[in-house]
Amino acid sequence: MVLRFNVGGKVVDRVDLIRKKKWPWRLDVLPFAVLYAIWMVTIVPSIDIVDALIVLGGLVSIHVLTLLFTAWSIDFKCFVQYSKVNDIYAADSCKVTPAKFSGSKEVVPLHIRQQ
């Protein structure tokens, strides 16, 4: 169960607790590192260098599209770079979803004060 606060107010509709993934485990790093390694080990030795470069161009274009989608869509950015958490103390950020016609979704840092 993921901790989600349904605010239902005039400005904020919902707040989701999220935690940033470690850099190597993000979905815009790890799968592409594996794909580039597979390309280097299997594709390059087996086919002509021009064909291997065409395959590399396809991989790079998919990687660039992934990076662009993380810039364009907050939901996709949260899917790729963050993981949802159940505990407020495990979260380091929040995804704030505004009410209709009140703005756009944002990822904001979460600061917990000790009292």
PDB file of N, CA and C in Angstrom:
ATOM      1  N   MET A   1       0.840  -1.181   0.000  1.00  0.00           N
ATOM      2  CA  MET A   1       0.000   0.000   0.000  1.00  0.00           C
ATOM      3  C   MET A   1       0.882   1.239   0.000  1.00  0.00           C
ATOM      4  N   VAL A   2       0.650   2.095  -0.948  1.00  0.00           N
ATOM      5  CA  VAL A   2       1.413   3.322  -1.071  1.00  0.00           C
ATOM      6  C   VAL A   2       0.660   4.429  -0.353  1.00  0.00           C
ATOM      7  N   LEU A   3       1.407   5.224   0.402  1.00  0.00           N
ATOM      8  CA  LEU A   3       0.788   6.310   1.146  1.00  0.00           C
ATOM      9  C   LEU A   3       0.456   7.448   0.190  1.00  0.00           C
ATOM     10  N   ARG A   4      -0.818   7.736   0.081  1.00  0.00           N
ATOM     11  CA  ARG A   4      -1.305   8.793  -0.803  1.00  0.00           C
ATOM     12  C   ARG A   4      -2.297   9.627  -0.008  1.00  0.00           C
ATOM     13  N   PHE A   5      -2.101  10.919  -0.060  1.00  0.00           N
ATOM     14  CA  PHE A   5      -2.998  11.833   0.629  1.00  0.00           C
ATOM     15  C   PHE A   5      -3.939  12.454  -0.395  1.00  0.00           C
ATOM     16  N   ASN A   6      -5.207  12.092  -0.322  1.00  0.00           N
ATOM     17  CA  ASN A   6      -6.213  12.702  -1.186  1.00  0.00           C
ATOM     18  C   ASN A   6      -6.722  13.953  -0.491  1.00  0.00           C
ATOM     19  N   VAL A   7      -6.228  15.098  -0.919  1.00  0.00           N
ATOM     20  CA  VAL A   7      -6.566  16.361  -0.282  1.00  0.00           C
ATOM     21  C   VAL A   7      -7.938  16.827  -0.737  1.00  0.00           C
ATOM     22  N   GLY A   8      -8.155  16.829  -2.038  1.00  0.00           N
ATOM     23  CA  GLY A   8      -9.457  17.226  -2.572  1.00  0.00           C
ATOM     24  C   GLY A   8      -9.784  18.685  -2.377  1.00  0.00           C
ATOM     25  N   GLY A   9      -8.775  19.535  -2.275  1.00  0.00           N
ATOM     26  CA  GLY A   9      -9.009  20.959  -2.078  1.00  0.00           C
ATOM     27  C   GLY A   9      -9.183  21.709  -3.382  1.00  0.00           C
ATOM     28  N   LYS A  10      -9.250  23.042  -3.265  1.00  0.00           N
ATOM     29  CA  LYS A  10      -9.412  23.870  -4.452  1.00  0.00           C
ATOM     30  C   LYS A  10      -8.144  23.906  -5.294  1.00  0.00           C
ATOM     31  N   VAL A  11      -6.986  23.818  -4.643  1.00  0.00           N
ATOM     32  CA  VAL A  11      -5.721  23.941  -5.362  1.00  0.00           C
ATOM     33  C   VAL A  11      -5.020  22.597  -5.498  1.00  0.00           C
ATOM     34  N   VAL A  12      -4.946  21.828  -4.418  1.00  0.00           N
ATOM     35  CA  VAL A  12      -4.232  20.544  -4.421  1.00  0.00           C
ATOM     36  C   VAL A  12      -5.242  19.408  -4.344  1.00  0.00           C
ATOM     37  N   ASP A  13      -5.113  18.459  -5.263  1.00  0.00           N
ATOM     38  CA  ASP A  13      -6.013  17.307  -5.281  1.00  0.00           C
ATOM     39  C   ASP A  13      -5.415  16.113  -4.549  1.00  0.00           C
ATOM     40  N   ARG A  14      -4.096  15.838  -4.793  1.00  0.00           N
ATOM     41  CA  ARG A  14      -3.492  14.626  -4.239  1.00  0.00           C
ATOM     42  C   ARG A  14      -1.999  14.850  -4.032  1.00  0.00           C
ATOM     43  N   VAL A  15      -1.441  14.185  -3.004  1.00  0.00           N
ATOM     44  CA  VAL A  15      -0.005  14.218  -2.726  1.00  0.00           C
ATOM     45  C   VAL A  15       0.470  12.780  -2.560  1.00  0.00           C
ATOM     46  N   ASP A  16       1.488  12.390  -3.343  1.00  0.00           N
ATOM     47  CA  ASP A  16       2.081  11.055  -3.259  1.00  0.00           C
ATOM     48  C   ASP A  16       3.480  11.168  -2.680  1.00  0.00           C
ATOM     49  N   LEU A  17       3.821  10.256  -1.774  1.00  0.00           N
ATOM     50  CA  LEU A  17       5.163  10.225  -1.198  1.00  0.00           C
ATOM     51  C   LEU A  17       6.070   9.376  -2.072  1.00  0.00           C
ATOM     52  N   ILE A  18       7.233   9.917  -2.425  1.00  0.00           N
ATOM     53  CA  ILE A  18       8.173   9.216  -3.296  1.00  0.00           C
ATOM     54  C   ILE A  18       9.591   9.385  -2.768  1.00  0.00           C
ATOM     55  N   ARG A  19      10.461   8.482  -3.192  1.00  0.00           N
ATOM     56  CA  ARG A  19      11.881   8.534  -2.830  1.00  0.00           C
ATOM     57  C   ARG A  19      12.697   8.394  -4.107  1.00  0.00           C
ATOM     58  N   LYS A  20      13.718   9.220  -4.240  1.00  0.00           N
ATOM     59  CA  LYS A  20      14.570   9.176  -5.426  1.00  0.00           C
ATOM     60  C   LYS A  20      15.361   7.878  -5.429  1.00  0.00           C
ATOM     61  N   LYS A  21      15.381   7.210  -6.593  1.00  0.00           N
ATOM     62  CA  LYS A  21      16.146   5.970  -6.731  1.00  0.00           C
ATOM     63  C   LYS A  21      17.628   6.294  -6.793  1.00  0.00           C
ATOM     64  N   LYS A  22      18.443   5.351  -6.371  1.00  0.00           N
ATOM     65  CA  LYS A  22      19.886   5.507  -6.518  1.00  0.00           C
ATOM     66  C   LYS A  22      20.206   5.588  -8.004  1.00  0.00           C
ATOM     67  N   TRP A  23      21.226   6.332  -8.347  1.00  0.00           N
ATOM     68  CA  TRP A  23      21.549   6.627  -9.737  1.00  0.00           C
ATOM     69  C   TRP A  23      21.670   5.385 -10.615  1.00  0.00           C
ATOM     70  N   PRO A  24      22.381   4.327 -10.210  1.00  0.00           N
ATOM     71  CA  PRO A  24      22.487   3.180 -11.122  1.00  0.00           C
ATOM     72  C   PRO A  24      21.178   2.405 -11.302  1.00  0.00           C
ATOM     73  N   TRP A  25      20.230   2.520 -10.388  1.00  0.00           N
ATOM     74  CA  TRP A  25      18.996   1.734 -10.443  1.00  0.00           C
ATOM     75  C   TRP A  25      17.858   2.451 -11.154  1.00  0.00           C
ATOM     76  N   ARG A  26      18.097   3.667 -11.619  1.00  0.00           N
ATOM     77  CA  ARG A  26      17.047   4.386 -12.336  1.00  0.00           C
ATOM     78  C   ARG A  26      16.772   3.722 -13.678  1.00  0.00           C
ATOM     79  N   LEU A  27      15.545   3.839 -14.165  1.00  0.00           N
ATOM     80  CA  LEU A  27      15.155   3.187 -15.411  1.00  0.00           C
ATOM     81  C   LEU A  27      15.644   3.914 -16.657  1.00  0.00           C
ATOM     82  N   ASP A  28      16.309   5.049 -16.482  1.00  0.00           N
ATOM     83  CA  ASP A  28      16.946   5.685 -17.628  1.00  0.00           C
ATOM     84  C   ASP A  28      18.450   5.427 -17.645  1.00  0.00           C
ATOM     85  N   VAL A  29      18.938   4.599 -16.714  1.00  0.00           N
ATOM     86  CA  VAL A  29      20.367   4.266 -16.657  1.00  0.00           C
ATOM     87  C   VAL A  29      20.586   2.764 -16.813  1.00  0.00           C
ATOM     88  N   LEU A  30      20.052   1.965 -15.903  1.00  0.00           N
ATOM     89  CA  LEU A  30      20.339   0.525 -15.859  1.00  0.00           C
ATOM     90  C   LEU A  30      19.924  -0.228 -17.129  1.00  0.00           C
ATOM     91  N   PRO A  31      18.705  -0.092 -17.631  1.00  0.00           N
ATOM     92  CA  PRO A  31      18.355  -0.851 -18.843  1.00  0.00           C
ATOM     93  C   PRO A  31      19.219  -0.475 -20.045  1.00  0.00           C
ATOM     94  N   PHE A  32      19.559   0.795 -20.144  1.00  0.00           N
ATOM     95  CA  PHE A  32      20.367   1.217 -21.286  1.00  0.00           C
ATOM     96  C   PHE A  32      21.818   0.783 -21.134  1.00  0.00           C
ATOM     97  N   ALA A  33      22.322   0.734 -19.922  1.00  0.00           N
ATOM     98  CA  ALA A  33      23.673   0.196 -19.723  1.00  0.00           C
ATOM     99  C   ALA A  33      23.721  -1.268 -20.145  1.00  0.00           C
ATOM    100  N   VAL A  34      22.674  -2.018 -19.802  1.00  0.00           N
ATOM    101  CA  VAL A  34      22.603  -3.427 -20.209  1.00  0.00           C
ATOM    102  C   VAL A  34      22.483  -3.536 -21.731  1.00  0.00           C
ATOM    103  N   LEU A  35      21.635  -2.706 -22.335  1.00  0.00           N
ATOM    104  CA  LEU A  35      21.475  -2.747 -23.797  1.00  0.00           C
ATOM    105  C   LEU A  35      22.764  -2.372 -24.524  1.00  0.00           C
ATOM    106  N   TYR A  36      23.477  -1.368 -24.025  1.00  0.00           N
ATOM    107  CA  TYR A  36      24.745  -0.990 -24.658  1.00  0.00           C
ATOM    108  C   TYR A  36      25.783  -2.098 -24.504  1.00  0.00           C
ATOM    109  N   ALA A  37      25.794  -2.774 -23.354  1.00  0.00           N
ATOM    110  CA  ALA A  37      26.727  -3.894 -23.160  1.00  0.00           C
ATOM    111  C   ALA A  37      26.380  -5.054 -24.096  1.00  0.00           C
ATOM    112  N   ILE A  38      25.090  -5.362 -24.228  1.00  0.00           N
ATOM    113  CA  ILE A  38      24.669  -6.421 -25.158  1.00  0.00           C
ATOM    114  C   ILE A  38      25.044  -6.047 -26.586  1.00  0.00           C
ATOM    115  N   TRP A  39      24.863  -4.773 -26.935  1.00  0.00           N
ATOM    116  CA  TRP A  39      25.248  -4.316 -28.271  1.00  0.00           C
ATOM    117  C   TRP A  39      26.743  -4.525 -28.498  1.00  0.00           C
ATOM    118  N   MET A  40      27.543  -4.174 -27.500  1.00  0.00           N
ATOM    119  CA  MET A  40      28.993  -4.284 -27.644  1.00  0.00           C
ATOM    120  C   MET A  40      29.450  -5.737 -27.744  1.00  0.00           C
ATOM    121  N   VAL A  41      28.825  -6.623 -26.965  1.00  0.00           N
ATOM    122  CA  VAL A  41      29.278  -8.015 -26.899  1.00  0.00           C
ATOM    123  C   VAL A  41      28.723  -8.858 -28.049  1.00  0.00           C
ATOM    124  N   THR A  42      27.467  -8.653 -28.423  1.00  0.00           N
ATOM    125  CA  THR A  42      26.858  -9.548 -29.411  1.00  0.00           C
ATOM    126  C   THR A  42      26.726  -8.944 -30.807  1.00  0.00           C
ATOM    127  N   ILE A  43      26.307  -7.704 -30.905  1.00  0.00           N
ATOM    128  CA  ILE A  43      26.009  -7.113 -32.211  1.00  0.00           C
ATOM    129  C   ILE A  43      27.289  -6.722 -32.951  1.00  0.00           C
ATOM    130  N   VAL A  44      28.198  -6.037 -32.279  1.00  0.00           N
ATOM    131  CA  VAL A  44      29.404  -5.530 -32.948  1.00  0.00           C
ATOM    132  C   VAL A  44      30.239  -6.650 -33.566  1.00  0.00           C
ATOM    133  N   PRO A  45      30.515  -7.750 -32.856  1.00  0.00           N
ATOM    134  CA  PRO A  45      31.339  -8.791 -33.484  1.00  0.00           C
ATOM    135  C   PRO A  45      30.619  -9.582 -34.576  1.00  0.00           C
ATOM    136  N   SER A  46      29.290  -9.592 -34.570  1.00  0.00           N
ATOM    137  CA  SER A  46      28.582 -10.498 -35.475  1.00  0.00           C
ATOM    138  C   SER A  46      28.181  -9.873 -36.809  1.00  0.00           C
ATOM    139  N   ILE A  47      28.023  -8.556 -36.873  1.00  0.00           N
ATOM    140  CA  ILE A  47      27.597  -7.941 -38.136  1.00  0.00           C
ATOM    141  C   ILE A  47      28.586  -6.861 -38.557  1.00  0.00           C
ATOM    142  N   ASP A  48      28.364  -6.341 -39.748  1.00  0.00           N
ATOM    143  CA  ASP A  48      29.209  -5.288 -40.302  1.00  0.00           C
ATOM    144  C   ASP A  48      29.157  -4.048 -39.405  1.00  0.00           C
ATOM    145  N   ILE A  49      30.237  -3.275 -39.385  1.00  0.00           N
ATOM    146  CA  ILE A  49      30.329  -2.115 -38.502  1.00  0.00           C
ATOM    147  C   ILE A  49      29.272  -1.060 -38.838  1.00  0.00           C
ATOM    148  N   VAL A  50      28.940  -0.902 -40.106  1.00  0.00           N
ATOM    149  CA  VAL A  50      27.911   0.073 -40.489  1.00  0.00           C
ATOM    150  C   VAL A  50      26.553  -0.349 -39.938  1.00  0.00           C
ATOM    151  N   ASP A  51      26.237  -1.623 -40.040  1.00  0.00           N
ATOM    152  CA  ASP A  51      24.975  -2.119 -39.484  1.00  0.00           C
ATOM    153  C   ASP A  51      24.964  -2.006 -37.962  1.00  0.00           C
ATOM    154  N   ALA A  52      26.106  -2.266 -37.340  1.00  0.00           N
ATOM    155  CA  ALA A  52      26.199  -2.133 -35.885  1.00  0.00           C
ATOM    156  C   ALA A  52      25.995  -0.681 -35.463  1.00  0.00           C
ATOM    157  N   LEU A  53      26.505   0.255 -36.245  1.00  0.00           N
ATOM    158  CA  LEU A  53      26.302   1.670 -35.933  1.00  0.00           C
ATOM    159  C   LEU A  53      24.849   2.089 -36.135  1.00  0.00           C
ATOM    160  N   ILE A  54      24.157   1.471 -37.077  1.00  0.00           N
ATOM    161  CA  ILE A  54      22.728   1.745 -37.254  1.00  0.00           C
ATOM    162  C   ILE A  54      21.947   1.269 -36.028  1.00  0.00           C
ATOM    163  N   VAL A  55      22.288   0.090 -35.526  1.00  0.00           N
ATOM    164  CA  VAL A  55      21.643  -0.419 -34.309  1.00  0.00           C
ATOM    165  C   VAL A  55      21.961   0.497 -33.131  1.00  0.00           C
ATOM    166  N   LEU A  56      23.218   0.950 -33.038  1.00  0.00           N
ATOM    167  CA  LEU A  56      23.598   1.880 -31.965  1.00  0.00           C
ATOM    168  C   LEU A  56      22.807   3.182 -32.075  1.00  0.00           C
ATOM    169  N   GLY A  57      22.609   3.667 -33.288  1.00  0.00           N
ATOM    170  CA  GLY A  57      21.802   4.873 -33.473  1.00  0.00           C
ATOM    171  C   GLY A  57      20.375   4.691 -32.986  1.00  0.00           C
ATOM    172  N   GLY A  58      19.808   3.504 -33.219  1.00  0.00           N
ATOM    173  CA  GLY A  58      18.473   3.211 -32.701  1.00  0.00           C
ATOM    174  C   GLY A  58      18.440   3.198 -31.185  1.00  0.00           C
ATOM    175  N   LEU A  59      19.453   2.590 -30.572  1.00  0.00           N
ATOM    176  CA  LEU A  59      19.522   2.560 -29.105  1.00  0.00           C
ATOM    177  C   LEU A  59      19.677   3.965 -28.531  1.00  0.00           C
ATOM    178  N   VAL A  60      20.536   4.754 -29.143  1.00  0.00           N
ATOM    179  CA  VAL A  60      20.751   6.122 -28.662  1.00  0.00           C
ATOM    180  C   VAL A  60      19.486   6.957 -28.826  1.00  0.00           C
ATOM    181  N   SER A  61      18.767   6.782 -29.927  1.00  0.00           N
ATOM    182  CA  SER A  61      17.536   7.552 -30.117  1.00  0.00           C
ATOM    183  C   SER A  61      16.474   7.172 -29.086  1.00  0.00           C
ATOM    184  N   ILE A  62      16.365   5.896 -28.747  1.00  0.00           N
ATOM    185  CA  ILE A  62      15.423   5.479 -27.697  1.00  0.00           C
ATOM    186  C   ILE A  62      15.848   6.051 -26.347  1.00  0.00           C
ATOM    187  N   HIS A  63      17.145   6.080 -26.085  1.00  0.00           N
ATOM    188  CA  HIS A  63      17.656   6.639 -24.833  1.00  0.00           C
ATOM    189  C   HIS A  63      17.356   8.139 -24.757  1.00  0.00           C
ATOM    190  N   VAL A  64      17.575   8.851 -25.844  1.00  0.00           N
ATOM    191  CA  VAL A  64      17.288  10.285 -25.873  1.00  0.00           C
ATOM    192  C   VAL A  64      15.793  10.539 -25.696  1.00  0.00           C
ATOM    193  N   LEU A  65      14.948   9.733 -26.334  1.00  0.00           N
ATOM    194  CA  LEU A  65      13.502   9.888 -26.149  1.00  0.00           C
ATOM    195  C   LEU A  65      13.096   9.649 -24.698  1.00  0.00           C
ATOM    196  N   THR A  66      13.723   8.684 -24.055  1.00  0.00           N
ATOM    197  CA  THR A  66      13.442   8.439 -22.638  1.00  0.00           C
ATOM    198  C   THR A  66      13.804   9.658 -21.801  1.00  0.00           C
ATOM    199  N   LEU A  67      14.960  10.245 -22.062  1.00  0.00           N
ATOM    200  CA  LEU A  67      15.369  11.440 -21.320  1.00  0.00           C
ATOM    201  C   LEU A  67      14.439  12.618 -21.601  1.00  0.00           C
ATOM    202  N   LEU A  68      13.989  12.753 -22.841  1.00  0.00           N
ATOM    203  CA  LEU A  68      13.054  13.833 -23.161  1.00  0.00           C
ATOM    204  C   LEU A  68      11.696  13.624 -22.497  1.00  0.00           C
ATOM    205  N   PHE A  69      11.222  12.389 -22.458  1.00  0.00           N
ATOM    206  CA  PHE A  69       9.953  12.116 -21.784  1.00  0.00           C
ATOM    207  C   PHE A  69      10.032  12.429 -20.296  1.00  0.00           C
ATOM    208  N   THR A  70      11.194  12.221 -19.675  1.00  0.00           N
ATOM    209  CA  THR A  70      11.327  12.586 -18.261  1.00  0.00           C
ATOM    210  C   THR A  70      11.267  14.095 -18.077  1.00  0.00           C
ATOM    211  N   ALA A  71      11.662  14.854 -19.085  1.00  0.00           N
ATOM    212  CA  ALA A  71      11.550  16.310 -18.999  1.00  0.00           C
ATOM    213  C   ALA A  71      10.125  16.778 -19.293  1.00  0.00           C
ATOM    214  N   TRP A  72       9.410  16.061 -20.142  1.00  0.00           N
ATOM    215  CA  TRP A  72       8.074  16.479 -20.558  1.00  0.00           C
ATOM    216  C   TRP A  72       6.973  16.047 -19.601  1.00  0.00           C
ATOM    217  N   SER A  73       7.117  14.895 -18.959  1.00  0.00           N
ATOM    218  CA  SER A  73       6.024  14.327 -18.166  1.00  0.00           C
ATOM    219  C   SER A  73       6.481  14.057 -16.734  1.00  0.00           C
ATOM    220  N   ILE A  74       5.785  14.643 -15.788  1.00  0.00           N
ATOM    221  CA  ILE A  74       6.108  14.418 -14.377  1.00  0.00           C
ATOM    222  C   ILE A  74       5.785  12.981 -13.984  1.00  0.00           C
ATOM    223  N   ASP A  75       4.693  12.420 -14.501  1.00  0.00           N
ATOM    224  CA  ASP A  75       4.351  11.033 -14.184  1.00  0.00           C
ATOM    225  C   ASP A  75       5.426  10.075 -14.687  1.00  0.00           C
ATOM    226  N   PHE A  76       5.928  10.301 -15.895  1.00  0.00           N
ATOM    227  CA  PHE A  76       6.982   9.439 -16.433  1.00  0.00           C
ATOM    228  C   PHE A  76       8.283   9.631 -15.658  1.00  0.00           C
ATOM    229  N   LYS A  77       8.577  10.864 -15.276  1.00  0.00           N
ATOM    230  CA  LYS A  77       9.777  11.137 -14.476  1.00  0.00           C
ATOM    231  C   LYS A  77       9.697  10.406 -13.138  1.00  0.00           C
ATOM    232  N   CYS A  78       8.536  10.421 -12.509  1.00  0.00           N
ATOM    233  CA  CYS A  78       8.372   9.707 -11.239  1.00  0.00           C
ATOM    234  C   CYS A  78       8.498   8.203 -11.438  1.00  0.00           C
ATOM    235  N   PHE A  79       7.988   7.679 -12.542  1.00  0.00           N
ATOM    236  CA  PHE A  79       8.101   6.253 -12.829  1.00  0.00           C
ATOM    237  C   PHE A  79       9.552   5.845 -13.034  1.00  0.00           C
ATOM    238  N   VAL A  80      10.332   6.686 -13.714  1.00  0.00           N
ATOM    239  CA  VAL A  80      11.708   6.342 -14.072  1.00  0.00           C
ATOM    240  C   VAL A  80      12.683   6.627 -12.933  1.00  0.00           C
ATOM    241  N   GLN A  81      12.543   7.761 -12.262  1.00  0.00           N
ATOM    242  CA  GLN A  81      13.569   8.215 -11.331  1.00  0.00           C
ATOM    243  C   GLN A  81      13.205   8.083  -9.861  1.00  0.00           C
ATOM    244  N   TYR A  82      11.953   7.773  -9.545  1.00  0.00           N
ATOM    245  CA  TYR A  82      11.514   7.710  -8.149  1.00  0.00           C
ATOM    246  C   TYR A  82      10.802   6.390  -7.882  1.00  0.00           C
ATOM    247  N   SER A  83      10.726   6.034  -6.610  1.00  0.00           N
ATOM    248  CA  SER A  83       9.921   4.888  -6.198  1.00  0.00           C
ATOM    249  C   SER A  83       8.938   5.361  -5.127  1.00  0.00           C
ATOM    250  N   LYS A  84       7.744   4.791  -5.144  1.00  0.00           N
ATOM    251  CA  LYS A  84       6.726   5.164  -4.165  1.00  0.00           C
ATOM    252  C   LYS A  84       7.042   4.491  -2.835  1.00  0.00           C
ATOM    253  N   VAL A  85       6.754   5.187  -1.746  1.00  0.00           N
ATOM    254  CA  VAL A  85       7.045   4.661  -0.413  1.00  0.00           C
ATOM    255  C   VAL A  85       5.791   4.724   0.448  1.00  0.00           C
ATOM    256  N   ASN A  86       5.808   3.924   1.515  1.00  0.00           N
ATOM    257  CA  ASN A  86       4.678   3.864   2.441  1.00  0.00           C
ATOM    258  C   ASN A  86       4.866   4.752   3.657  1.00  0.00           C
ATOM    259  N   ASP A  87       6.108   5.054   3.996  1.00  0.00           N
ATOM    260  CA  ASP A  87       6.419   5.769   5.227  1.00  0.00           C
ATOM    261  C   ASP A  87       6.862   7.187   4.903  1.00  0.00           C
ATOM    262  N   ILE A  88       6.339   8.139   5.633  1.00  0.00           N
ATOM    263  CA  ILE A  88       6.707   9.533   5.375  1.00  0.00           C
ATOM    264  C   ILE A  88       8.176   9.781   5.693  1.00  0.00           C
ATOM    265  N   TYR A  89       8.746   9.016   6.621  1.00  0.00           N
ATOM    266  CA  TYR A  89      10.159   9.197   6.970  1.00  0.00           C
ATOM    267  C   TYR A  89      11.089   8.559   5.938  1.00  0.00           C
ATOM    268  N   ALA A  90      10.576   7.671   5.104  1.00  0.00           N
ATOM    269  CA  ALA A  90      11.381   7.083   4.028  1.00  0.00           C
ATOM    270  C   ALA A  90      11.342   7.942   2.772  1.00  0.00           C
ATOM    271  N   ALA A  91      10.398   8.860   2.694  1.00  0.00           N
ATOM    272  CA  ALA A  91      10.253   9.706   1.506  1.00  0.00           C
ATOM    273  C   ALA A  91      11.218  10.879   1.568  1.00  0.00           C
ATOM    274  N   ASP A  92      11.685  11.293   0.403  1.00  0.00           N
ATOM    275  CA  ASP A  92      12.485  12.513   0.338  1.00  0.00           C
ATOM    276  C   ASP A  92      11.851  13.562  -0.584  1.00  0.00           C
ATOM    277  N   SER A  93      10.753  13.180  -1.251  1.00  0.00           N
ATOM    278  CA  SER A  93      10.047  14.106  -2.139  1.00  0.00           C
ATOM    279  C   SER A  93       8.562  13.770  -2.144  1.00  0.00           C
ATOM    280  N   CYS A  94       7.790  14.676  -2.701  1.00  0.00           N
ATOM    281  CA  CYS A  94       6.350  14.476  -2.876  1.00  0.00           C
ATOM    282  C   CYS A  94       5.982  14.843  -4.303  1.00  0.00           C
ATOM    283  N   LYS A  95       5.068  14.067  -4.871  1.00  0.00           N
ATOM    284  CA  LYS A  95       4.483  14.442  -6.158  1.00  0.00           C
ATOM    285  C   LYS A  95       3.135  15.073  -5.859  1.00  0.00           C
ATOM    286  N   VAL A  96       3.013  16.345  -6.160  1.00  0.00           N
ATOM    287  CA  VAL A  96       1.801  17.097  -5.875  1.00  0.00           C
ATOM    288  C   VAL A  96       0.976  17.189  -7.154  1.00  0.00           C
ATOM    289  N   THR A  97      -0.252  16.685  -7.076  1.00  0.00           N
ATOM    290  CA  THR A  97      -1.179  16.743  -8.203  1.00  0.00           C
ATOM    291  C   THR A  97      -2.212  17.822  -7.904  1.00  0.00           C
ATOM    292  N   PRO A  98      -2.253  18.872  -8.709  1.00  0.00           N
ATOM    293  CA  PRO A  98      -3.209  19.947  -8.436  1.00  0.00           C
ATOM    294  C   PRO A  98      -4.626  19.571  -8.862  1.00  0.00           C
ATOM    295  N   ALA A  99      -5.581  20.325  -8.366  1.00  0.00           N
ATOM    296  CA  ALA A  99      -6.966  20.158  -8.806  1.00  0.00           C
ATOM    297  C   ALA A  99      -7.069  20.591 -10.265  1.00  0.00           C
ATOM    298  N   LYS A 100      -8.154  20.214 -10.913  1.00  0.00           N
ATOM    299  CA  LYS A 100      -8.331  20.571 -12.326  1.00  0.00           C
ATOM    300  C   LYS A 100      -8.261  22.083 -12.499  1.00  0.00           C
ATOM    301  N   PHE A 101      -7.547  22.485 -13.539  1.00  0.00           N
ATOM    302  CA  PHE A 101      -7.403  23.885 -13.926  1.00  0.00           C
ATOM    303  C   PHE A 101      -6.712  24.722 -12.853  1.00  0.00           C
ATOM    304  N   SER A 102      -5.847  24.092 -12.050  1.00  0.00           N
ATOM    305  CA  SER A 102      -5.140  24.826 -10.999  1.00  0.00           C
ATOM    306  C   SER A 102      -3.631  24.776 -11.157  1.00  0.00           C
ATOM    307  N   GLY A 103      -3.136  24.278 -12.255  1.00  0.00           N
ATOM    308  CA  GLY A 103      -1.689  24.208 -12.456  1.00  0.00           C
ATOM    309  C   GLY A 103      -1.284  22.844 -12.964  1.00  0.00           C
ATOM    310  N   SER A 104       0.014  22.571 -12.857  1.00  0.00           N
ATOM    311  CA  SER A 104       0.542  21.299 -13.344  1.00  0.00           C
ATOM    312  C   SER A 104       1.171  20.521 -12.195  1.00  0.00           C
ATOM    313  N   LYS A 105       1.372  19.235 -12.416  1.00  0.00           N
ATOM    314  CA  LYS A 105       1.973  18.373 -11.402  1.00  0.00           C
ATOM    315  C   LYS A 105       3.412  18.792 -11.170  1.00  0.00           C
ATOM    316  N   GLU A 106       3.876  18.625  -9.937  1.00  0.00           N
ATOM    317  CA  GLU A 106       5.246  18.978  -9.583  1.00  0.00           C
ATOM    318  C   GLU A 106       5.799  17.964  -8.600  1.00  0.00           C
ATOM    319  N   VAL A 107       7.114  17.777  -8.659  1.00  0.00           N
ATOM    320  CA  VAL A 107       7.833  17.015  -7.646  1.00  0.00           C
ATOM    321  C   VAL A 107       8.529  18.030  -6.759  1.00  0.00           C
ATOM    322  N   VAL A 108       8.214  17.995  -5.474  1.00  0.00           N
ATOM    323  CA  VAL A 108       8.797  18.956  -4.538  1.00  0.00           C
ATOM    324  C   VAL A 108       9.557  18.199  -3.456  1.00  0.00           C
ATOM    325  N   PRO A 109      10.670  18.777  -2.975  1.00  0.00           N
ATOM    326  CA  PRO A 109      11.415  18.108  -1.902  1.00  0.00           C
ATOM    327  C   PRO A 109      10.618  18.127  -0.602  1.00  0.00           C
ATOM    328  N   LEU A 110      10.819  17.107   0.190  1.00  0.00           N
ATOM    329  CA  LEU A 110      10.128  16.970   1.467  1.00  0.00           C
ATOM    330  C   LEU A 110      11.130  17.225   2.583  1.00  0.00           C
ATOM    331  N   HIS A 111      10.838  18.195   3.434  1.00  0.00           N
ATOM    332  CA  HIS A 111      11.701  18.514   4.566  1.00  0.00           C
ATOM    333  C   HIS A 111      10.940  18.190   5.846  1.00  0.00           C
ATOM    334  N   ILE A 112      11.513  17.338   6.679  1.00  0.00           N
ATOM    335  CA  ILE A 112      10.882  16.949   7.937  1.00  0.00           C
ATOM    336  C   ILE A 112      11.642  17.624   9.067  1.00  0.00           C
ATOM    337  N   ARG A 113      10.913  18.376   9.868  1.00  0.00           N
ATOM    338  CA  ARG A 113      11.541  19.080  10.992  1.00  0.00           C
ATOM    339  C   ARG A 113      11.494  18.196  12.228  1.00  0.00           C
ATOM    340  N   GLN A 114      12.575  18.197  12.968  1.00  0.00           N
ATOM    341  CA  GLN A 114      12.626  17.479  14.246  1.00  0.00           C
ATOM    342  C   GLN A 114      12.155  18.425  15.344  1.00  0.00           C
ATOM    343  N   GLN A 115      11.230  17.960  16.186  1.00  0.00           N
ATOM    344  CA  GLN A 115      10.716  18.832  17.245  1.00  0.00           C
ATOM    345  C   GLN A 115      11.116  18.322  18.597  1.00  0.00           C
TER     346      GLN A 115
END
